[in-house]
Amino acid sequence: MARKKSPTLTDGELRLMEVLWRRGPSSVATVAADLPKLAYSTVMTMLRILEDKGYLRHTKEGRAFVYHPLVDRTEAGRSAVRYILSRFFRNSPELLLLNLLKNEKIEAKELSRLKKLVAESE
């Protein structure tokens, strides 16, 4: 049975997107050079998957395809949070935040900043 497509970035896809966000539009060879543990053909396949998911588009420059990010890091993060929110927290930001507050160590400075943001949003 085929694996279900992830609507968000997988770990491997995120590594490729990190290269594109850092470098800007890049060819398969450029991305592959930044990720020496991945074969060129694997990078090419993953870039096509990212294009199918709507994270990239390509243009042809000479004989090479150059991939351009369509989604920036911030929007990818928002999308991932929305996915986690819907999948694990019944679309409740409150449940997500309560989970973080109960289960994660939050530094006093960060907690102060969060309190200020909550006060400002009221």
PDB file of N, CA and C in Angstrom:
ATOM      1  N   MET A   1       0.843  -1.185   0.000  1.00  0.00           N
ATOM      2  CA  MET A   1       0.000   0.000   0.000  1.00  0.00           C
ATOM      3  C   MET A   1       0.886   1.246   0.000  1.00  0.00           C
ATOM      4  N   ALA A   2       0.562   2.211  -0.828  1.00  0.00           N
ATOM      5  CA  ALA A   2       1.357   3.437  -0.934  1.00  0.00           C
ATOM      6  C   ALA A   2       1.208   4.269   0.337  1.00  0.00           C
ATOM      7  N   ARG A   3       2.311   4.928   0.701  1.00  0.00           N
ATOM      8  CA  ARG A   3       2.316   5.801   1.870  1.00  0.00           C
ATOM      9  C   ARG A   3       1.505   7.060   1.582  1.00  0.00           C
ATOM     10  N   LYS A   4       0.723   7.503   2.558  1.00  0.00           N
ATOM     11  CA  LYS A   4      -0.098   8.705   2.406  1.00  0.00           C
ATOM     12  C   LYS A   4       0.801   9.938   2.331  1.00  0.00           C
ATOM     13  N   LYS A   5       0.481  10.841   1.401  1.00  0.00           N
ATOM     14  CA  LYS A   5       1.243  12.080   1.269  1.00  0.00           C
ATOM     15  C   LYS A   5       1.040  12.959   2.486  1.00  0.00           C
ATOM     16  N   SER A   6       2.142  13.496   3.004  1.00  0.00           N
ATOM     17  CA  SER A   6       2.058  14.416   4.134  1.00  0.00           C
ATOM     18  C   SER A   6       1.720  15.808   3.620  1.00  0.00           C
ATOM     19  N   PRO A   7       0.687  16.454   4.189  1.00  0.00           N
ATOM     20  CA  PRO A   7       0.349  17.806   3.737  1.00  0.00           C
ATOM     21  C   PRO A   7       1.378  18.846   4.190  1.00  0.00           C
ATOM     22  N   THR A   8       2.145  18.507   5.216  1.00  0.00           N
ATOM     23  CA  THR A   8       3.189  19.401   5.702  1.00  0.00           C
ATOM     24  C   THR A   8       4.534  18.845   5.250  1.00  0.00           C
ATOM     25  N   LEU A   9       5.594  19.531   5.606  1.00  0.00           N
ATOM     26  CA  LEU A   9       6.928  19.107   5.199  1.00  0.00           C
ATOM     27  C   LEU A   9       7.418  17.939   6.046  1.00  0.00           C
ATOM     28  N   THR A  10       7.924  16.909   5.388  1.00  0.00           N
ATOM     29  CA  THR A  10       8.593  15.831   6.102  1.00  0.00           C
ATOM     30  C   THR A  10       9.973  16.340   6.522  1.00  0.00           C
ATOM     31  N   ASP A  11      10.675  15.584   7.343  1.00  0.00           N
ATOM     32  CA  ASP A  11      12.024  15.999   7.761  1.00  0.00           C
ATOM     33  C   ASP A  11      12.947  16.189   6.556  1.00  0.00           C
ATOM     34  N   GLY A  12      12.899  15.254   5.628  1.00  0.00           N
ATOM     35  CA  GLY A  12      13.749  15.348   4.438  1.00  0.00           C
ATOM     36  C   GLY A  12      13.392  16.543   3.568  1.00  0.00           C
ATOM     37  N   GLU A  13      12.107  16.768   3.392  1.00  0.00           N
ATOM     38  CA  GLU A  13      11.658  17.911   2.593  1.00  0.00           C
ATOM     39  C   GLU A  13      12.065  19.218   3.248  1.00  0.00           C
ATOM     40  N   LEU A  14      11.985  19.260   4.560  1.00  0.00           N
ATOM     41  CA  LEU A  14      12.388  20.467   5.280  1.00  0.00           C
ATOM     42  C   LEU A  14      13.869  20.766   5.046  1.00  0.00           C
ATOM     43  N   ARG A  15      14.705  19.730   5.017  1.00  0.00           N
ATOM     44  CA  ARG A  15      16.142  19.950   4.752  1.00  0.00           C
ATOM     45  C   ARG A  15      16.344  20.595   3.381  1.00  0.00           C
ATOM     46  N   LEU A  16      15.602  20.137   2.376  1.00  0.00           N
ATOM     47  CA  LEU A  16      15.715  20.735   1.048  1.00  0.00           C
ATOM     48  C   LEU A  16      15.211  22.175   1.047  1.00  0.00           C
ATOM     49  N   MET A  17      14.085  22.402   1.715  1.00  0.00           N
ATOM     50  CA  MET A  17      13.545  23.760   1.774  1.00  0.00           C
ATOM     51  C   MET A  17      14.504  24.698   2.499  1.00  0.00           C
ATOM     52  N   GLU A  18      15.179  24.209   3.536  1.00  0.00           N
ATOM     53  CA  GLU A  18      16.166  25.033   4.248  1.00  0.00           C
ATOM     54  C   GLU A  18      17.250  25.512   3.279  1.00  0.00           C
ATOM     55  N   VAL A  19      17.691  24.629   2.400  1.00  0.00           N
ATOM     56  CA  VAL A  19      18.703  25.017   1.398  1.00  0.00           C
ATOM     57  C   VAL A  19      18.140  26.104   0.493  1.00  0.00           C
ATOM     58  N   LEU A  20      16.923  25.916   0.009  1.00  0.00           N
ATOM     59  CA  LEU A  20      16.324  26.900  -0.906  1.00  0.00           C
ATOM     60  C   LEU A  20      16.033  28.221  -0.212  1.00  0.00           C
ATOM     61  N   TRP A  21      15.610  28.185   1.028  1.00  0.00           N
ATOM     62  CA  TRP A  21      15.374  29.439   1.752  1.00  0.00           C
ATOM     63  C   TRP A  21      16.683  30.186   1.980  1.00  0.00           C
ATOM     64  N   ARG A  22      17.744  29.449   2.234  1.00  0.00           N
ATOM     65  CA  ARG A  22      19.048  30.074   2.483  1.00  0.00           C
ATOM     66  C   ARG A  22      19.680  30.576   1.190  1.00  0.00           C
ATOM     67  N   ARG A  23      19.649  29.759   0.147  1.00  0.00           N
ATOM     68  CA  ARG A  23      20.332  30.086  -1.107  1.00  0.00           C
ATOM     69  C   ARG A  23      19.471  30.864  -2.096  1.00  0.00           C
ATOM     70  N   GLY A  24      18.152  30.709  -2.010  1.00  0.00           N
ATOM     71  CA  GLY A  24      17.278  31.250  -3.035  1.00  0.00           C
ATOM     72  C   GLY A  24      17.145  30.244  -4.164  1.00  0.00           C
ATOM     73  N   PRO A  25      16.584  30.668  -5.291  1.00  0.00           N
ATOM     74  CA  PRO A  25      16.384  29.740  -6.406  1.00  0.00           C
ATOM     75  C   PRO A  25      17.664  28.967  -6.732  1.00  0.00           C
ATOM     76  N   SER A  26      17.501  27.637  -6.874  1.00  0.00           N
ATOM     77  CA  SER A  26      18.675  26.775  -7.052  1.00  0.00           C
ATOM     78  C   SER A  26      18.352  25.597  -7.951  1.00  0.00           C
ATOM     79  N   SER A  27      19.389  25.117  -8.602  1.00  0.00           N
ATOM     80  CA  SER A  27      19.263  23.919  -9.435  1.00  0.00           C
ATOM     81  C   SER A  27      19.330  22.676  -8.551  1.00  0.00           C
ATOM     82  N   VAL A  28      18.964  21.538  -9.127  1.00  0.00           N
ATOM     83  CA  VAL A  28      19.058  20.265  -8.407  1.00  0.00           C
ATOM     84  C   VAL A  28      20.501  20.048  -7.960  1.00  0.00           C
ATOM     85  N   ALA A  29      21.448  20.323  -8.835  1.00  0.00           N
ATOM     86  CA  ALA A  29      22.867  20.112  -8.510  1.00  0.00           C
ATOM     87  C   ALA A  29      23.301  20.960  -7.316  1.00  0.00           C
ATOM     88  N   THR A  30      22.835  22.193  -7.256  1.00  0.00           N
ATOM     89  CA  THR A  30      23.194  23.083  -6.145  1.00  0.00           C
ATOM     90  C   THR A  30      22.626  22.566  -4.831  1.00  0.00           C
ATOM     91  N   VAL A  31      21.359  22.159  -4.855  1.00  0.00           N
ATOM     92  CA  VAL A  31      20.735  21.625  -3.641  1.00  0.00           C
ATOM     93  C   VAL A  31      21.445  20.334  -3.231  1.00  0.00           C
ATOM     94  N   ALA A  32      21.718  19.461  -4.186  1.00  0.00           N
ATOM     95  CA  ALA A  32      22.390  18.190  -3.890  1.00  0.00           C
ATOM     96  C   ALA A  32      23.778  18.425  -3.312  1.00  0.00           C
ATOM     97  N   ALA A  33      24.476  19.442  -3.783  1.00  0.00           N
ATOM     98  CA  ALA A  33      25.821  19.743  -3.269  1.00  0.00           C
ATOM     99  C   ALA A  33      25.766  20.152  -1.798  1.00  0.00           C
ATOM    100  N   ASP A  34      24.678  20.791  -1.383  1.00  0.00           N
ATOM    101  CA  ASP A  34      24.510  21.189   0.012  1.00  0.00           C
ATOM    102  C   ASP A  34      24.082  20.022   0.903  1.00  0.00           C
ATOM    103  N   LEU A  35      23.632  18.949   0.291  1.00  0.00           N
ATOM    104  CA  LEU A  35      23.158  17.785   1.043  1.00  0.00           C
ATOM    105  C   LEU A  35      23.889  16.532   0.555  1.00  0.00           C
ATOM    106  N   PRO A  36      25.181  16.425   0.851  1.00  0.00           N
ATOM    107  CA  PRO A  36      26.002  15.354   0.272  1.00  0.00           C
ATOM    108  C   PRO A  36      25.568  13.930   0.644  1.00  0.00           C
ATOM    109  N   LYS A  37      24.765  13.777   1.685  1.00  0.00           N
ATOM    110  CA  LYS A  37      24.314  12.434   2.064  1.00  0.00           C
ATOM    111  C   LYS A  37      23.167  11.932   1.190  1.00  0.00           C
ATOM    112  N   LEU A  38      22.596  12.846   0.391  1.00  0.00           N
ATOM    113  CA  LEU A  38      21.498  12.462  -0.497  1.00  0.00           C
ATOM    114  C   LEU A  38      21.986  12.346  -1.930  1.00  0.00           C
ATOM    115  N   ALA A  39      21.522  11.321  -2.614  1.00  0.00           N
ATOM    116  CA  ALA A  39      21.868  11.145  -4.026  1.00  0.00           C
ATOM    117  C   ALA A  39      21.170  12.214  -4.866  1.00  0.00           C
ATOM    118  N   TYR A  40      21.790  12.562  -5.975  1.00  0.00           N
ATOM    119  CA  TYR A  40      21.234  13.554  -6.895  1.00  0.00           C
ATOM    120  C   TYR A  40      19.802  13.176  -7.282  1.00  0.00           C
ATOM    121  N   SER A  41      19.586  11.898  -7.610  1.00  0.00           N
ATOM    122  CA  SER A  41      18.250  11.456  -8.036  1.00  0.00           C
ATOM    123  C   SER A  41      17.230  11.584  -6.907  1.00  0.00           C
ATOM    124  N   THR A  42      17.650  11.388  -5.666  1.00  0.00           N
ATOM    125  CA  THR A  42      16.760  11.547  -4.518  1.00  0.00           C
ATOM    126  C   THR A  42      16.358  13.013  -4.365  1.00  0.00           C
ATOM    127  N   VAL A  43      17.334  13.908  -4.495  1.00  0.00           N
ATOM    128  CA  VAL A  43      17.058  15.346  -4.408  1.00  0.00           C
ATOM    129  C   VAL A  43      16.085  15.752  -5.506  1.00  0.00           C
ATOM    130  N   MET A  44      16.314  15.259  -6.724  1.00  0.00           N
ATOM    131  CA  MET A  44      15.444  15.597  -7.847  1.00  0.00           C
ATOM    132  C   MET A  44      14.009  15.121  -7.571  1.00  0.00           C
ATOM    133  N   THR A  45      13.858  13.908  -7.080  1.00  0.00           N
ATOM    134  CA  THR A  45      12.533  13.364  -6.769  1.00  0.00           C
ATOM    135  C   THR A  45      11.853  14.188  -5.678  1.00  0.00           C
ATOM    136  N   MET A  46      12.603  14.525  -4.633  1.00  0.00           N
ATOM    137  CA  MET A  46      12.029  15.290  -3.525  1.00  0.00           C
ATOM    138  C   MET A  46      11.633  16.698  -3.966  1.00  0.00           C
ATOM    139  N   LEU A  47      12.408  17.310  -4.841  1.00  0.00           N
ATOM    140  CA  LEU A  47      12.054  18.631  -5.354  1.00  0.00           C
ATOM    141  C   LEU A  47      10.750  18.564  -6.160  1.00  0.00           C
ATOM    142  N   ARG A  48      10.583  17.498  -6.920  1.00  0.00           N
ATOM    143  CA  ARG A  48       9.330  17.327  -7.683  1.00  0.00           C
ATOM    144  C   ARG A  48       8.144  17.148  -6.738  1.00  0.00           C
ATOM    145  N   ILE A  49       8.340  16.398  -5.654  1.00  0.00           N
ATOM    146  CA  ILE A  49       7.279  16.204  -4.662  1.00  0.00           C
ATOM    147  C   ILE A  49       6.913  17.546  -4.031  1.00  0.00           C
ATOM    148  N   LEU A  50       7.937  18.338  -3.680  1.00  0.00           N
ATOM    149  CA  LEU A  50       7.687  19.662  -3.099  1.00  0.00           C
ATOM    150  C   LEU A  50       6.943  20.569  -4.081  1.00  0.00           C
ATOM    151  N   GLU A  51       7.242  20.411  -5.348  1.00  0.00           N
ATOM    152  CA  GLU A  51       6.534  21.197  -6.362  1.00  0.00           C
ATOM    153  C   GLU A  51       5.072  20.741  -6.431  1.00  0.00           C
ATOM    154  N   ASP A  52       4.836  19.436  -6.390  1.00  0.00           N
ATOM    155  CA  ASP A  52       3.463  18.912  -6.398  1.00  0.00           C
ATOM    156  C   ASP A  52       2.672  19.385  -5.182  1.00  0.00           C
ATOM    157  N   LYS A  53       3.348  19.531  -4.047  1.00  0.00           N
ATOM    158  CA  LYS A  53       2.695  19.993  -2.821  1.00  0.00           C
ATOM    159  C   LYS A  53       2.461  21.499  -2.820  1.00  0.00           C
ATOM    160  N   GLY A  54       3.058  22.210  -3.784  1.00  0.00           N
ATOM    161  CA  GLY A  54       2.861  23.653  -3.875  1.00  0.00           C
ATOM    162  C   GLY A  54       3.888  24.491  -3.128  1.00  0.00           C
ATOM    163  N   TYR A  55       4.965  23.870  -2.681  1.00  0.00           N
ATOM    164  CA  TYR A  55       6.011  24.606  -1.969  1.00  0.00           C
ATOM    165  C   TYR A  55       7.019  25.247  -2.922  1.00  0.00           C
ATOM    166  N   LEU A  56       7.116  24.728  -4.141  1.00  0.00           N
ATOM    167  CA  LEU A  56       8.110  25.200  -5.118  1.00  0.00           C
ATOM    168  C   LEU A  56       7.476  25.324  -6.494  1.00  0.00           C
ATOM    169  N   ARG A  57       8.178  26.033  -7.362  1.00  0.00           N
ATOM    170  CA  ARG A  57       7.918  25.996  -8.802  1.00  0.00           C
ATOM    171  C   ARG A  57       9.282  25.950  -9.470  1.00  0.00           C
ATOM    172  N   HIS A  58       9.308  25.525 -10.716  1.00  0.00           N
ATOM    173  CA  HIS A  58      10.598  25.517 -11.393  1.00  0.00           C
ATOM    174  C   HIS A  58      10.518  26.321 -12.687  1.00  0.00           C
ATOM    175  N   THR A  59      11.683  26.806 -13.067  1.00  0.00           N
ATOM    176  CA  THR A  59      11.853  27.435 -14.371  1.00  0.00           C
ATOM    177  C   THR A  59      12.999  26.704 -15.044  1.00  0.00           C
ATOM    178  N   LYS A  60      13.076  26.854 -16.337  1.00  0.00           N
ATOM    179  CA  LYS A  60      14.170  26.211 -17.055  1.00  0.00           C
ATOM    180  C   LYS A  60      15.181  27.281 -17.434  1.00  0.00           C
ATOM    181  N   GLU A  61      16.410  27.086 -17.005  1.00  0.00           N
ATOM    182  CA  GLU A  61      17.497  27.999 -17.339  1.00  0.00           C
ATOM    183  C   GLU A  61      18.573  27.186 -18.037  1.00  0.00           C
ATOM    184  N   GLY A  62      18.670  27.378 -19.352  1.00  0.00           N
ATOM    185  CA  GLY A  62      19.565  26.530 -20.133  1.00  0.00           C
ATOM    186  C   GLY A  62      19.003  25.123 -20.118  1.00  0.00           C
ATOM    187  N   ARG A  63      19.841  24.182 -19.701  1.00  0.00           N
ATOM    188  CA  ARG A  63      19.393  22.786 -19.632  1.00  0.00           C
ATOM    189  C   ARG A  63      18.915  22.401 -18.236  1.00  0.00           C
ATOM    190  N   ALA A  64      19.088  23.290 -17.273  1.00  0.00           N
ATOM    191  CA  ALA A  64      18.780  22.954 -15.877  1.00  0.00           C
ATOM    192  C   ALA A  64      17.429  23.512 -15.439  1.00  0.00           C
ATOM    193  N   PHE A  65      16.774  22.761 -14.571  1.00  0.00           N
ATOM    194  CA  PHE A  65      15.601  23.273 -13.873  1.00  0.00           C
ATOM    195  C   PHE A  65      16.091  24.002 -12.639  1.00  0.00           C
ATOM    196  N   VAL A  66      15.544  25.193 -12.417  1.00  0.00           N
ATOM    197  CA  VAL A  66      15.868  25.964 -11.219  1.00  0.00           C
ATOM    198  C   VAL A  66      14.591  26.043 -10.389  1.00  0.00           C
ATOM    199  N   TYR A  67      14.709  25.634  -9.132  1.00  0.00           N
ATOM    200  CA  TYR A  67      13.556  25.575  -8.232  1.00  0.00           C
ATOM    201  C   TYR A  67      13.490  26.829  -7.374  1.00  0.00           C
ATOM    202  N   HIS A  68      12.280  27.402  -7.303  1.00  0.00           N
ATOM    203  CA  HIS A  68      12.024  28.653  -6.580  1.00  0.00           C
ATOM    204  C   HIS A  68      11.042  28.371  -5.452  1.00  0.00           C
ATOM    205  N   PRO A  69      11.374  28.756  -4.229  1.00  0.00           N
ATOM    206  CA  PRO A  69      10.417  28.570  -3.133  1.00  0.00           C
ATOM    207  C   PRO A  69       9.183  29.459  -3.336  1.00  0.00           C
ATOM    208  N   LEU A  70       8.011  28.893  -3.143  1.00  0.00           N
ATOM    209  CA  LEU A  70       6.759  29.654  -3.203  1.00  0.00           C
ATOM    210  C   LEU A  70       6.232  29.946  -1.802  1.00  0.00           C
ATOM    211  N   VAL A  71       6.733  29.198  -0.835  1.00  0.00           N
ATOM    212  CA  VAL A  71       6.297  29.329   0.551  1.00  0.00           C
ATOM    213  C   VAL A  71       7.522  29.687   1.380  1.00  0.00           C
ATOM    214  N   ASP A  72       7.421  30.756   2.181  1.00  0.00           N
ATOM    215  CA  ASP A  72       8.570  31.104   3.016  1.00  0.00           C
ATOM    216  C   ASP A  72       8.539  30.296   4.319  1.00  0.00           C
ATOM    217  N   ARG A  73       9.610  30.392   5.074  1.00  0.00           N
ATOM    218  CA  ARG A  73       9.763  29.616   6.311  1.00  0.00           C
ATOM    219  C   ARG A  73       8.618  29.905   7.294  1.00  0.00           C
ATOM    220  N   THR A  74       8.225  31.161   7.405  1.00  0.00           N
ATOM    221  CA  THR A  74       7.160  31.541   8.327  1.00  0.00           C
ATOM    222  C   THR A  74       5.844  30.866   7.959  1.00  0.00           C
ATOM    223  N   GLU A  75       5.477  30.910   6.688  1.00  0.00           N
ATOM    224  CA  GLU A  75       4.220  30.291   6.247  1.00  0.00           C
ATOM    225  C   GLU A  75       4.282  28.771   6.395  1.00  0.00           C
ATOM    226  N   ALA A  76       5.420  28.172   6.139  1.00  0.00           N
ATOM    227  CA  ALA A  76       5.559  26.718   6.335  1.00  0.00           C
ATOM    228  C   ALA A  76       5.357  26.364   7.807  1.00  0.00           C
ATOM    229  N   GLY A  77       5.879  27.197   8.696  1.00  0.00           N
ATOM    230  CA  GLY A  77       5.692  26.983  10.128  1.00  0.00           C
ATOM    231  C   GLY A  77       4.232  27.110  10.522  1.00  0.00           C
ATOM    232  N   ARG A  78       3.555  28.124   9.982  1.00  0.00           N
ATOM    233  CA  ARG A  78       2.125  28.311  10.262  1.00  0.00           C
ATOM    234  C   ARG A  78       1.325  27.094   9.804  1.00  0.00           C
ATOM    235  N   SER A  79       1.656  26.610   8.626  1.00  0.00           N
ATOM    236  CA  SER A  79       0.965  25.452   8.085  1.00  0.00           C
ATOM    237  C   SER A  79       1.175  24.226   8.971  1.00  0.00           C
ATOM    238  N   ALA A  80       2.391  24.041   9.451  1.00  0.00           N
ATOM    239  CA  ALA A  80       2.687  22.910  10.332  1.00  0.00           C
ATOM    240  C   ALA A  80       1.921  23.021  11.647  1.00  0.00           C
ATOM    241  N   VAL A  81       1.854  24.225  12.205  1.00  0.00           N
ATOM    242  CA  VAL A  81       1.116  24.424  13.457  1.00  0.00           C
ATOM    243  C   VAL A  81      -0.373  24.157  13.245  1.00  0.00           C
ATOM    244  N   ARG A  82      -0.932  24.663  12.127  1.00  0.00           N
ATOM    245  CA  ARG A  82      -2.354  24.409  11.835  1.00  0.00           C
ATOM    246  C   ARG A  82      -2.619  22.912  11.712  1.00  0.00           C
ATOM    247  N   TYR A  83      -1.700  22.187  11.081  1.00  0.00           N
ATOM    248  CA  TYR A  83      -1.845  20.735  10.921  1.00  0.00           C
ATOM    249  C   TYR A  83      -1.823  20.046  12.285  1.00  0.00           C
ATOM    250  N   ILE A  84      -0.865  20.398  13.125  1.00  0.00           N
ATOM    251  CA  ILE A  84      -0.765  19.810  14.468  1.00  0.00           C
ATOM    252  C   ILE A  84      -2.000  20.169  15.288  1.00  0.00           C
ATOM    253  N   LEU A  85      -2.434  21.409  15.180  1.00  0.00           N
ATOM    254  CA  LEU A  85      -3.613  21.875  15.904  1.00  0.00           C
ATOM    255  C   LEU A  85      -4.838  21.035  15.535  1.00  0.00           C
ATOM    256  N   SER A  86      -5.040  20.818  14.245  1.00  0.00           N
ATOM    257  CA  SER A  86      -6.217  20.063  13.804  1.00  0.00           C
ATOM    258  C   SER A  86      -6.085  18.576  14.121  1.00  0.00           C
ATOM    259  N   ARG A  87      -4.891  18.047  14.005  1.00  0.00           N
ATOM    260  CA  ARG A  87      -4.700  16.602  14.167  1.00  0.00           C
ATOM    261  C   ARG A  87      -4.687  16.155  15.624  1.00  0.00           C
ATOM    262  N   PHE A  88      -4.055  16.936  16.487  1.00  0.00           N
ATOM    263  CA  PHE A  88      -3.853  16.490  17.863  1.00  0.00           C
ATOM    264  C   PHE A  88      -4.625  17.289  18.916  1.00  0.00           C
ATOM    265  N   PHE A  89      -5.093  18.487  18.569  1.00  0.00           N
ATOM    266  CA  PHE A  89      -5.681  19.361  19.585  1.00  0.00           C
ATOM    267  C   PHE A  89      -7.079  19.863  19.225  1.00  0.00           C
ATOM    268  N   ARG A  90      -7.790  19.110  18.376  1.00  0.00           N
ATOM    269  CA  ARG A  90      -9.186  19.423  18.027  1.00  0.00           C
ATOM    270  C   ARG A  90      -9.377  20.886  17.625  1.00  0.00           C
ATOM    271  N   ASN A  91      -8.405  21.431  16.892  1.00  0.00           N
ATOM    272  CA  ASN A  91      -8.447  22.823  16.418  1.00  0.00           C
ATOM    273  C   ASN A  91      -8.533  23.845  17.548  1.00  0.00           C
ATOM    274  N   SER A  92      -8.014  23.474  18.705  1.00  0.00           N
ATOM    275  CA  SER A  92      -8.085  24.368  19.858  1.00  0.00           C
ATOM    276  C   SER A  92      -6.696  24.916  20.204  1.00  0.00           C
ATOM    277  N   PRO A  93      -6.457  26.196  19.922  1.00  0.00           N
ATOM    278  CA  PRO A  93      -5.189  26.803  20.328  1.00  0.00           C
ATOM    279  C   PRO A  93      -4.987  26.705  21.842  1.00  0.00           C
ATOM    280  N   GLU A  94      -6.082  26.787  22.584  1.00  0.00           N
ATOM    281  CA  GLU A  94      -5.991  26.692  24.044  1.00  0.00           C
ATOM    282  C   GLU A  94      -5.403  25.346  24.471  1.00  0.00           C
ATOM    283  N   LEU A  95      -5.896  24.253  23.873  1.00  0.00           N
ATOM    284  CA  LEU A  95      -5.368  22.929  24.226  1.00  0.00           C
ATOM    285  C   LEU A  95      -3.887  22.807  23.877  1.00  0.00           C
ATOM    286  N   LEU A  96      -3.501  23.369  22.753  1.00  0.00           N
ATOM    287  CA  LEU A  96      -2.090  23.344  22.361  1.00  0.00           C
ATOM    288  C   LEU A  96      -1.243  24.106  23.370  1.00  0.00           C
ATOM    289  N   LEU A  97      -1.656  25.311  23.710  1.00  0.00           N
ATOM    290  CA  LEU A  97      -0.888  26.125  24.655  1.00  0.00           C
ATOM    291  C   LEU A  97      -0.850  25.495  26.047  1.00  0.00           C
ATOM    292  N   LEU A  98      -1.968  24.942  26.495  1.00  0.00           N
ATOM    293  CA  LEU A  98      -1.986  24.265  27.794  1.00  0.00           C
ATOM    294  C   LEU A  98      -1.010  23.092  27.800  1.00  0.00           C
ATOM    295  N   ASN A  99      -0.983  22.355  26.696  1.00  0.00           N
ATOM    296  CA  ASN A  99      -0.051  21.235  26.584  1.00  0.00           C
ATOM    297  C   ASN A  99       1.394  21.723  26.677  1.00  0.00           C
ATOM    298  N   LEU A 100       1.707  22.791  25.989  1.00  0.00           N
ATOM    299  CA  LEU A 100       3.063  23.348  26.033  1.00  0.00           C
ATOM    300  C   LEU A 100       3.420  23.824  27.441  1.00  0.00           C
ATOM    301  N   LEU A 101       2.497  24.527  28.067  1.00  0.00           N
ATOM    302  CA  LEU A 101       2.765  25.060  29.403  1.00  0.00           C
ATOM    303  C   LEU A 101       2.939  23.953  30.441  1.00  0.00           C
ATOM    304  N   LYS A 102       2.174  22.885  30.307  1.00  0.00           N
ATOM    305  CA  LYS A 102       2.250  21.790  31.273  1.00  0.00           C
ATOM    306  C   LYS A 102       3.454  20.875  31.044  1.00  0.00           C
ATOM    307  N   ASN A 103       3.862  20.732  29.787  1.00  0.00           N
ATOM    308  CA  ASN A 103       4.835  19.681  29.461  1.00  0.00           C
ATOM    309  C   ASN A 103       6.202  20.165  29.006  1.00  0.00           C
ATOM    310  N   GLU A 104       6.374  21.447  28.851  1.00  0.00           N
ATOM    311  CA  GLU A 104       7.647  21.976  28.379  1.00  0.00           C
ATOM    312  C   GLU A 104       8.215  22.968  29.385  1.00  0.00           C
ATOM    313  N   LYS A 105       9.523  22.992  29.501  1.00  0.00           N
ATOM    314  CA  LYS A 105      10.200  23.962  30.361  1.00  0.00           C
ATOM    315  C   LYS A 105      10.284  25.280  29.593  1.00  0.00           C
ATOM    316  N   ILE A 106       9.648  26.304  30.143  1.00  0.00           N
ATOM    317  CA  ILE A 106       9.656  27.618  29.501  1.00  0.00           C
ATOM    318  C   ILE A 106      10.433  28.572  30.406  1.00  0.00           C
ATOM    319  N   GLU A 107      11.443  29.179  29.833  1.00  0.00           N
ATOM    320  CA  GLU A 107      12.278  30.122  30.578  1.00  0.00           C
ATOM    321  C   GLU A 107      11.445  31.306  31.052  1.00  0.00           C
ATOM    322  N   ALA A 108      11.830  31.898  32.180  1.00  0.00           N
ATOM    323  CA  ALA A 108      11.098  33.024  32.771  1.00  0.00           C
ATOM    324  C   ALA A 108      10.955  34.179  31.775  1.00  0.00           C
ATOM    325  N   LYS A 109      12.016  34.452  31.014  1.00  0.00           N
ATOM    326  CA  LYS A 109      11.984  35.552  30.046  1.00  0.00           C
ATOM    327  C   LYS A 109      10.945  35.266  28.949  1.00  0.00           C
ATOM    328  N   GLU A 110      10.919  34.012  28.474  1.00  0.00           N
ATOM    329  CA  GLU A 110       9.944  33.637  27.447  1.00  0.00           C
ATOM    330  C   GLU A 110       8.520  33.707  28.007  1.00  0.00           C
ATOM    331  N   LEU A 111       8.343  33.239  29.235  1.00  0.00           N
ATOM    332  CA  LEU A 111       7.033  33.261  29.876  1.00  0.00           C
ATOM    333  C   LEU A 111       6.533  34.701  30.044  1.00  0.00           C
ATOM    334  N   SER A 112       7.421  35.588  30.406  1.00  0.00           N
ATOM    335  CA  SER A 112       7.072  37.005  30.541  1.00  0.00           C
ATOM    336  C   SER A 112       6.632  37.572  29.199  1.00  0.00           C
ATOM    337  N   ARG A 113       7.360  37.222  28.146  1.00  0.00           N
ATOM    338  CA  ARG A 113       7.013  37.696  26.796  1.00  0.00           C
ATOM    339  C   ARG A 113       5.648  37.146  26.372  1.00  0.00           C
ATOM    340  N   LEU A 114       5.384  35.879  26.698  1.00  0.00           N
ATOM    341  CA  LEU A 114       4.091  35.279  26.364  1.00  0.00           C
ATOM    342  C   LEU A 114       2.949  35.964  27.113  1.00  0.00           C
ATOM    343  N   LYS A 115       3.163  36.250  28.394  1.00  0.00           N
ATOM    344  CA  LYS A 115       2.137  36.944  29.186  1.00  0.00           C
ATOM    345  C   LYS A 115       1.832  38.304  28.573  1.00  0.00           C
ATOM    346  N   LYS A 116       2.865  39.005  28.131  1.00  0.00           N
ATOM    347  CA  LYS A 116       2.678  40.316  27.520  1.00  0.00           C
ATOM    348  C   LYS A 116       1.867  40.195  26.227  1.00  0.00           C
ATOM    349  N   LEU A 117       2.167  39.197  25.404  1.00  0.00           N
ATOM    350  CA  LEU A 117       1.420  38.995  24.162  1.00  0.00           C
ATOM    351  C   LEU A 117      -0.043  38.660  24.435  1.00  0.00           C
ATOM    352  N   VAL A 118      -0.289  37.843  25.449  1.00  0.00           N
ATOM    353  CA  VAL A 118      -1.669  37.506  25.808  1.00  0.00           C
ATOM    354  C   VAL A 118      -2.400  38.765  26.255  1.00  0.00           C
ATOM    355  N   ALA A 119      -1.767  39.571  27.105  1.00  0.00           N
ATOM    356  CA  ALA A 119      -2.393  40.812  27.579  1.00  0.00           C
ATOM    357  C   ALA A 119      -2.703  41.751  26.414  1.00  0.00           C
ATOM    358  N   GLU A 120      -1.793  41.844  25.458  1.00  0.00           N
ATOM    359  CA  GLU A 120      -1.994  42.727  24.305  1.00  0.00           C
ATOM    360  C   GLU A 120      -3.117  42.248  23.396  1.00  0.00           C
ATOM    361  N   SER A 121      -3.344  40.941  23.352  1.00  0.00           N
ATOM    362  CA  SER A 121      -4.366  40.410  22.467  1.00  0.00           C
ATOM    363  C   SER A 121      -5.767  40.483  23.053  1.00  0.00           C
ATOM    364  N   GLU A 122      -5.870  40.799  24.330  1.00  0.00           N
ATOM    365  CA  GLU A 122      -7.193  40.877  24.980  1.00  0.00           C
ATOM    366  C   GLU A 122      -7.909  42.168  24.628  1.00  0.00           C
TER     367      GLU A 122
END
